[in-house]
Protein backbone atom coordinates (compact mmCIF):
# COMPACT_ATOMS: atom_id res chain seq x y z
CA MET A 1 12.17 43.62 -27.11
CA GLY A 2 13.49 41.51 -24.08
CA LYS A 3 11.23 38.48 -22.37
CA GLY A 4 9.29 39.72 -19.91
CA LYS A 5 6.12 38.92 -17.92
CA LYS A 6 2.57 39.32 -19.61
CA ARG A 7 0.17 41.25 -17.37
CA ALA A 8 -3.52 41.95 -18.26
CA VAL A 9 -6.58 43.65 -16.72
CA LEU A 10 -10.04 42.60 -17.95
CA VAL A 11 -13.31 44.59 -17.37
CA GLY A 12 -16.62 43.60 -18.22
CA CYS A 13 -20.01 46.43 -17.53
CA ASN A 14 -23.21 45.02 -17.96
CA TYR A 15 -24.64 47.96 -15.89
CA PRO A 16 -27.22 45.44 -14.51
CA LYS A 17 -30.21 47.08 -12.95
CA THR A 18 -29.89 50.50 -15.14
CA GLN A 19 -30.96 52.17 -18.31
CA PHE A 20 -27.80 51.74 -19.76
CA GLY A 21 -27.85 47.46 -19.10
CA LEU A 22 -26.28 45.43 -21.89
CA HIS A 23 -26.22 41.54 -21.92
CA GLY A 24 -22.58 40.09 -23.48
CA CYS A 25 -19.85 42.59 -21.51
CA ILE A 26 -19.11 40.11 -19.20
CA ASN A 27 -19.66 36.73 -21.22
CA ASP A 28 -16.72 38.65 -23.44
CA VAL A 29 -14.44 38.98 -20.74
CA ASN A 30 -14.46 35.07 -20.17
CA THR A 31 -14.07 34.79 -23.41
CA ILE A 32 -10.73 37.35 -23.97
CA LYS A 33 -9.36 35.50 -20.31
CA ALA A 34 -9.69 31.67 -22.15
CA ALA A 35 -7.98 33.24 -25.41
CA ILE A 36 -5.32 34.91 -23.62
CA LEU A 37 -4.24 31.96 -21.56
CA LYS A 38 -3.05 30.59 -24.52
CA PHE A 39 -0.87 33.41 -25.29
CA GLY A 40 1.69 32.97 -22.07
CA PHE A 41 -0.86 35.00 -19.63
CA HIS A 42 -0.73 33.63 -16.46
CA GLU A 43 -4.68 33.32 -13.83
CA SER A 44 -2.53 35.27 -11.39
CA ASP A 45 -1.53 38.14 -13.45
CA ILE A 46 -5.08 38.65 -14.83
CA ASN A 47 -6.73 40.89 -13.05
CA VAL A 48 -10.45 40.73 -13.73
CA LEU A 49 -13.35 43.04 -13.10
CA THR A 50 -16.82 42.85 -14.08
CA ASP A 51 -20.26 44.02 -12.49
CA ALA A 52 -21.34 40.49 -11.96
CA PRO A 53 -23.74 40.07 -9.36
CA GLY A 54 -21.87 39.05 -6.36
CA SER A 55 -18.36 40.49 -7.73
CA SER A 56 -15.98 41.59 -4.56
CA VAL A 57 -14.49 44.38 -6.65
CA LEU A 58 -16.54 46.42 -9.33
CA PRO A 59 -15.28 47.74 -12.32
CA THR A 60 -15.97 51.74 -10.98
CA GLY A 61 -13.85 54.22 -12.52
CA ALA A 62 -11.61 54.51 -9.37
CA ASN A 63 -11.45 50.61 -9.73
CA ILE A 64 -10.33 50.41 -13.14
CA ARG A 65 -7.34 52.85 -12.50
CA ASP A 66 -6.37 51.15 -9.55
CA ALA A 67 -5.80 48.08 -11.64
CA LEU A 68 -3.91 50.31 -14.35
CA ASN A 69 -1.65 51.60 -12.25
CA ARG A 70 -0.69 48.71 -10.57
CA MET A 71 0.49 46.86 -13.77
CA ALA A 72 2.24 50.16 -14.70
CA ARG A 73 4.22 50.06 -11.59
CA ASN A 74 5.07 46.74 -11.86
CA SER A 75 5.99 46.51 -15.19
CA LYS A 76 9.49 46.44 -16.72
CA ALA A 77 11.59 46.45 -19.97
CA GLY A 78 9.85 43.54 -21.93
CA ASP A 79 6.74 42.95 -20.22
CA VAL A 80 3.49 42.69 -22.47
CA LEU A 81 0.52 44.44 -20.86
CA PHE A 82 -3.05 43.80 -21.85
CA PHE A 83 -6.31 46.11 -21.02
CA TYR A 84 -9.58 44.76 -22.31
CA PHE A 85 -12.88 46.95 -21.89
CA SER A 86 -16.19 45.45 -23.12
CA GLY A 87 -18.79 48.10 -22.29
CA HIS A 88 -20.39 51.49 -23.47
CA GLY A 89 -17.76 54.18 -24.94
CA THR A 90 -18.95 57.64 -25.43
CA ARG A 91 -17.31 60.73 -27.08
CA ILE A 92 -17.22 64.18 -24.72
CA PRO A 93 -17.71 67.37 -26.19
CA ILE A 94 -14.79 69.50 -25.77
CA PHE A 95 -15.17 73.37 -26.15
CA GLN A 96 -12.12 75.58 -25.96
CA PRO A 97 -12.50 79.56 -27.08
CA GLY A 98 -11.15 80.32 -29.62
CA GLN A 99 -10.45 76.54 -31.28
CA PRO A 100 -12.66 73.92 -33.14
CA PHE A 101 -15.21 72.20 -32.22
CA LYS A 102 -14.25 68.67 -31.05
CA GLN A 103 -15.07 65.18 -29.37
CA ASP A 104 -13.26 62.96 -27.42
CA GLU A 105 -13.52 59.36 -26.63
CA ALA A 106 -13.68 57.97 -23.43
CA ILE A 107 -14.94 54.14 -21.77
CA VAL A 108 -17.58 54.26 -19.40
CA ALA A 109 -17.13 52.35 -15.93
CA CYS A 110 -19.91 50.89 -14.22
CA ASP A 111 -20.40 54.54 -12.00
CA LEU A 112 -20.11 56.56 -15.02
CA ASN A 113 -16.96 58.13 -13.74
CA LEU A 114 -15.22 58.09 -17.37
CA ILE A 115 -11.75 56.93 -18.45
CA THR A 116 -10.59 59.27 -21.99
CA ASP A 117 -8.06 58.99 -24.35
CA VAL A 118 -6.14 61.50 -22.09
CA ASP A 119 -6.02 58.58 -19.38
CA PHE A 120 -4.79 56.50 -21.91
CA ARG A 121 -2.29 58.50 -23.32
CA ARG A 122 -0.90 58.83 -19.56
CA PHE A 123 -0.59 55.44 -19.05
CA VAL A 124 1.33 54.71 -21.83
CA ASN A 125 3.60 57.65 -21.54
CA ARG A 126 4.66 56.21 -17.76
CA LEU A 127 5.67 52.60 -18.89
CA PRO A 128 9.54 51.85 -19.13
CA GLU A 129 10.80 51.65 -22.47
CA GLY A 130 10.40 48.45 -24.14
CA ALA A 131 7.39 47.49 -22.11
CA SER A 132 4.07 47.30 -24.78
CA PHE A 133 0.84 48.27 -23.86
CA THR A 134 -2.20 47.10 -26.12
CA ILE A 135 -5.96 48.21 -25.61
CA LEU A 136 -8.54 46.23 -27.44
CA SER A 137 -12.23 48.06 -26.50
CA ASP A 138 -15.09 46.85 -27.50
CA SER A 139 -17.12 49.88 -26.98
CA CYS A 140 -18.70 52.65 -29.01
CA HIS A 141 -16.22 55.39 -30.42
CA SER A 142 -13.37 53.31 -29.08
CA GLY A 143 -11.43 54.57 -32.27
CA GLY A 144 -8.68 57.21 -31.07
CA LEU A 145 -8.78 55.90 -27.49
CA ILE A 146 -5.25 56.49 -26.72
CA GLU A 147 -4.83 60.67 -27.58
CA LYS A 148 -2.39 60.89 -30.65
CA GLU A 149 -1.77 57.45 -31.16
CA LYS A 150 -0.77 57.07 -34.79
CA GLU A 151 -4.11 55.08 -36.80
CA GLN A 152 -2.63 52.32 -39.17
CA PHE A 153 -5.60 50.88 -39.98
CA GLY A 154 -9.15 51.83 -40.53
CA GLY A 155 -12.74 51.64 -42.54
CA GLU A 156 -10.72 52.77 -45.78
CA HIS A 157 -8.72 49.76 -45.53
CA MET A 158 -11.94 47.91 -46.35
CA THR A 159 -13.06 46.63 -49.50
CA THR A 160 -15.01 43.76 -48.00
CA PRO A 161 -19.02 44.77 -48.50
CA VAL A 162 -21.86 43.96 -45.70
CA ASN A 163 -23.58 41.25 -46.12
CA PRO A 164 -27.40 42.77 -45.95
CA ASN A 165 -28.97 38.86 -46.10
CA LYS A 166 -27.39 38.24 -42.54
CA PRO A 167 -30.13 36.82 -40.44
CA LYS A 168 -30.29 39.55 -37.50
CA PRO A 169 -29.94 38.22 -33.44
CA SER A 170 -32.54 38.46 -31.37
CA LYS A 171 -31.57 41.42 -29.64
CA VAL A 172 -28.88 44.42 -30.88
CA LYS A 173 -27.81 47.06 -28.68
CA ALA A 174 -25.36 49.40 -28.75
CA LYS A 175 -22.54 49.92 -26.74
CA GLY A 176 -22.68 53.52 -26.40
CA VAL A 177 -24.19 56.22 -23.84
CA PRO A 178 -24.40 59.57 -25.11
CA PHE A 179 -23.02 62.10 -23.44
CA ASP A 180 -26.17 64.44 -22.40
CA ASP A 181 -27.23 61.27 -20.78
CA ILE A 182 -24.37 60.99 -18.58
CA HIS A 183 -23.91 65.13 -17.92
CA GLY A 184 -27.75 64.42 -17.02
CA ALA A 185 -26.51 61.60 -14.18
CA ILE A 186 -23.98 63.72 -13.17
CA ASN A 187 -26.33 66.79 -12.63
CA ILE A 188 -28.48 64.84 -10.42
CA ALA A 189 -26.07 63.32 -8.36
CA ALA A 190 -24.12 66.65 -8.09
CA SER A 191 -27.15 68.59 -7.15
CA ILE A 192 -25.75 68.53 -3.74
CA LEU A 193 -22.84 70.61 -4.40
CA HIS A 194 -23.99 73.84 -4.48
CA GLY A 195 -20.48 75.77 -5.72
CA ALA A 196 -20.19 73.35 -8.62
CA VAL A 197 -20.95 75.98 -11.79
CA ASP A 198 -19.47 73.69 -15.21
CA LEU A 199 -19.46 70.13 -15.79
CA GLY A 200 -16.00 69.73 -14.80
CA GLN A 201 -16.32 70.80 -11.51
CA LYS A 202 -19.54 68.65 -11.32
CA ILE A 203 -17.30 65.60 -12.11
CA TYR A 204 -14.53 66.76 -10.13
CA GLY A 205 -16.76 67.05 -7.07
CA ILE A 206 -18.08 63.70 -7.28
CA PHE A 207 -15.24 61.66 -8.08
CA GLY A 208 -12.15 63.75 -6.66
CA LYS A 209 -8.88 62.59 -6.99
CA ASP A 210 -10.14 59.45 -9.02
CA VAL A 211 -11.89 61.53 -12.30
CA SER A 212 -10.29 61.66 -15.19
CA LEU A 213 -7.44 63.68 -15.84
CA LYS A 214 -9.71 65.48 -18.30
CA PHE A 215 -11.82 66.90 -15.96
CA HIS A 216 -8.98 67.44 -13.42
CA PRO A 217 -9.24 71.39 -12.54
CA HIS A 218 -4.85 71.80 -12.98
CA TYR A 219 -5.48 69.82 -16.57
CA VAL A 220 -8.31 72.03 -17.19
CA ASP A 221 -6.30 75.45 -16.49
CA GLY A 222 -3.67 74.26 -18.40
CA LEU A 223 -1.05 74.19 -15.61
CA MET A 224 -0.65 70.21 -16.05
CA VAL A 225 0.92 68.98 -19.08
CA LEU A 226 1.56 65.20 -20.59
CA ASP A 227 4.68 64.60 -21.79
CA PRO A 228 4.93 65.13 -25.45
CA PRO A 229 3.85 61.18 -27.08
CA GLU A 230 6.79 60.12 -29.12
CA GLU A 231 7.51 56.94 -30.86
CA ASP A 232 5.79 54.40 -28.02
CA ASP A 233 4.90 50.91 -27.86
CA GLY A 234 1.09 51.91 -27.12
CA ILE A 235 -1.37 49.73 -29.68
CA LEU A 236 -5.12 50.33 -29.77
CA LEU A 237 -7.20 47.93 -31.28
CA SER A 238 -10.63 49.59 -31.29
CA VAL A 239 -14.20 47.86 -32.72
CA CYS A 240 -14.91 50.93 -34.85
CA GLU A 241 -14.02 54.70 -35.74
CA ALA A 242 -14.37 56.97 -33.16
CA ASN A 243 -17.65 58.44 -34.81
CA GLU A 244 -19.02 54.62 -35.22
CA THR A 245 -21.07 52.29 -33.34
CA SER A 246 -20.14 48.78 -32.07
CA TYR A 247 -22.59 46.28 -31.01
CA ASP A 248 -23.66 43.65 -28.07
CA LEU A 249 -25.92 40.83 -29.42
CA VAL A 250 -27.80 37.76 -28.54
CA LEU A 251 -28.10 35.25 -30.60
CA GLY A 252 -30.12 32.25 -29.29
CA ASN A 253 -28.37 31.90 -25.66
CA LYS A 254 -25.25 33.65 -26.26
CA ALA A 255 -24.82 37.16 -25.99
CA PHE A 256 -21.39 38.52 -26.90
CA GLY A 257 -19.83 41.20 -28.60
CA ALA A 258 -19.81 41.37 -32.53
CA PHE A 259 -15.92 42.60 -32.53
CA THR A 260 -14.85 40.28 -29.77
CA ASP A 261 -16.81 37.19 -30.93
CA ALA A 262 -15.08 38.06 -34.66
CA MET A 263 -11.91 38.20 -33.20
CA PHE A 264 -11.93 34.95 -31.16
CA ASN A 265 -12.94 33.21 -34.22
CA VAL A 266 -10.05 34.99 -36.11
CA LEU A 267 -7.11 33.68 -33.66
CA ASN A 268 -8.79 30.21 -33.15
CA GLN A 269 -8.12 30.16 -36.78
CA HIS A 270 -4.11 31.12 -36.57
CA MET A 271 -3.71 29.17 -33.34
CA GLY A 272 -0.05 28.22 -32.39
CA ALA A 273 0.85 30.11 -35.92
CA GLY A 274 0.72 33.88 -34.47
CA ILE A 275 -0.84 36.93 -36.41
CA SER A 276 0.14 40.44 -36.55
CA ASN A 277 -2.22 43.88 -35.08
CA ARG A 278 -2.64 44.60 -38.04
CA GLN A 279 -3.99 41.01 -39.77
CA LEU A 280 -5.85 40.52 -36.62
CA VAL A 281 -7.84 43.59 -36.80
CA ALA A 282 -8.26 43.11 -41.41
CA ASP A 283 -9.72 39.56 -40.49
CA ALA A 284 -12.39 40.10 -38.03
CA ALA A 285 -13.36 43.20 -39.90
CA ILE A 286 -14.04 40.85 -42.72
CA ILE A 287 -16.11 38.62 -40.14
CA LEU A 288 -18.07 41.46 -39.10
CA LYS A 289 -18.88 42.83 -42.86
CA GLU A 290 -20.06 39.28 -43.40
CA ASN A 291 -22.06 39.05 -40.76
CA GLY A 292 -24.15 42.23 -41.79
CA PHE A 293 -22.52 44.71 -39.62
CA LYS A 294 -21.26 48.71 -40.84
CA GLN A 295 -18.65 49.01 -38.00
CA ASN A 296 -14.91 49.58 -39.34
CA PRO A 297 -12.36 48.58 -36.65
CA CYS A 298 -8.96 50.22 -36.38
CA LEU A 299 -5.31 49.76 -35.43
CA TYR A 300 -3.57 52.97 -33.63
CA CYS A 301 0.12 51.89 -32.92
CA SER A 302 4.02 53.03 -33.93
CA ASP A 303 4.48 51.98 -37.68
CA GLU A 304 6.79 49.41 -36.11
CA ASN A 305 4.08 47.87 -33.78
CA THR A 306 1.60 47.44 -37.04
CA SER A 307 3.46 44.22 -37.98
CA THR A 308 4.54 43.04 -34.53
CA PRO A 309 2.30 39.54 -33.00
CA PHE A 310 -0.64 40.41 -30.95
CA LEU A 311 0.56 40.06 -27.62
CA GLY A 312 4.08 38.87 -28.44
CA GLY A 313 2.12 35.85 -29.73
CA PHE A 314 1.30 32.55 -28.74
CA ALA A 315 2.90 30.90 -25.49
């Protein structure tokens, strides 16, 4: 892969003044931004979206999609693209006649407009050949967040036991919203849409063209088909398996995501030497176990990208 630019979109949602409020997600974004500057990212190529008081651009579903789409449009072969999210995740129940029940993964923007595994698959499929795209999602149910990406590392590889004696933080909150809660909020918002019958219609009626592809009428009705995923440069570092929970912590005066903090510690240990995608996930998983957390971080990517340096290596 040739030498290209490094571009990033970093998103942190604390959901202030809502029932979904978290504490450390904006701090996580600041932590990650400081880390990736050491990987050769420049300030001008890092787009930060948070719901901090006074933010000029909030991390709504539309704004996150717009930031990702602009990053994709400007990318060329050799570019290293990075999307970081700290906030809530959810699982969407999928009911299809004649098919087994399944649940798909999504991240929850500050306006509850979901960005799903199908959206991330479409993003990866649109990239020019030779451009890599890494997602690091510190949210519940983040495993499988790129549809049909191959899992290379997960809980079945872990032999480190969970430390039962680690002191607990003063506040611990799961970084996940049950889909029923999102459904309820959507029902309230859609009460003025008299013609909306099912959930997909309601979500599409509220968010319009900015809705997830999963709820787009043409996709739901089978008229829109994604390009078949082949061996690609999509890389997902998830903080847990698809059916697991991740955690937002308050320890003393510090609020942060458990995995983001663990990963940052691993990167500091390897500063200047570089570390592969797989080793980063494995080492962060050990720290989580030592700190008493049951979540199992995962790596999803092609066989080749398992051993490639995280974000192309240090600058």
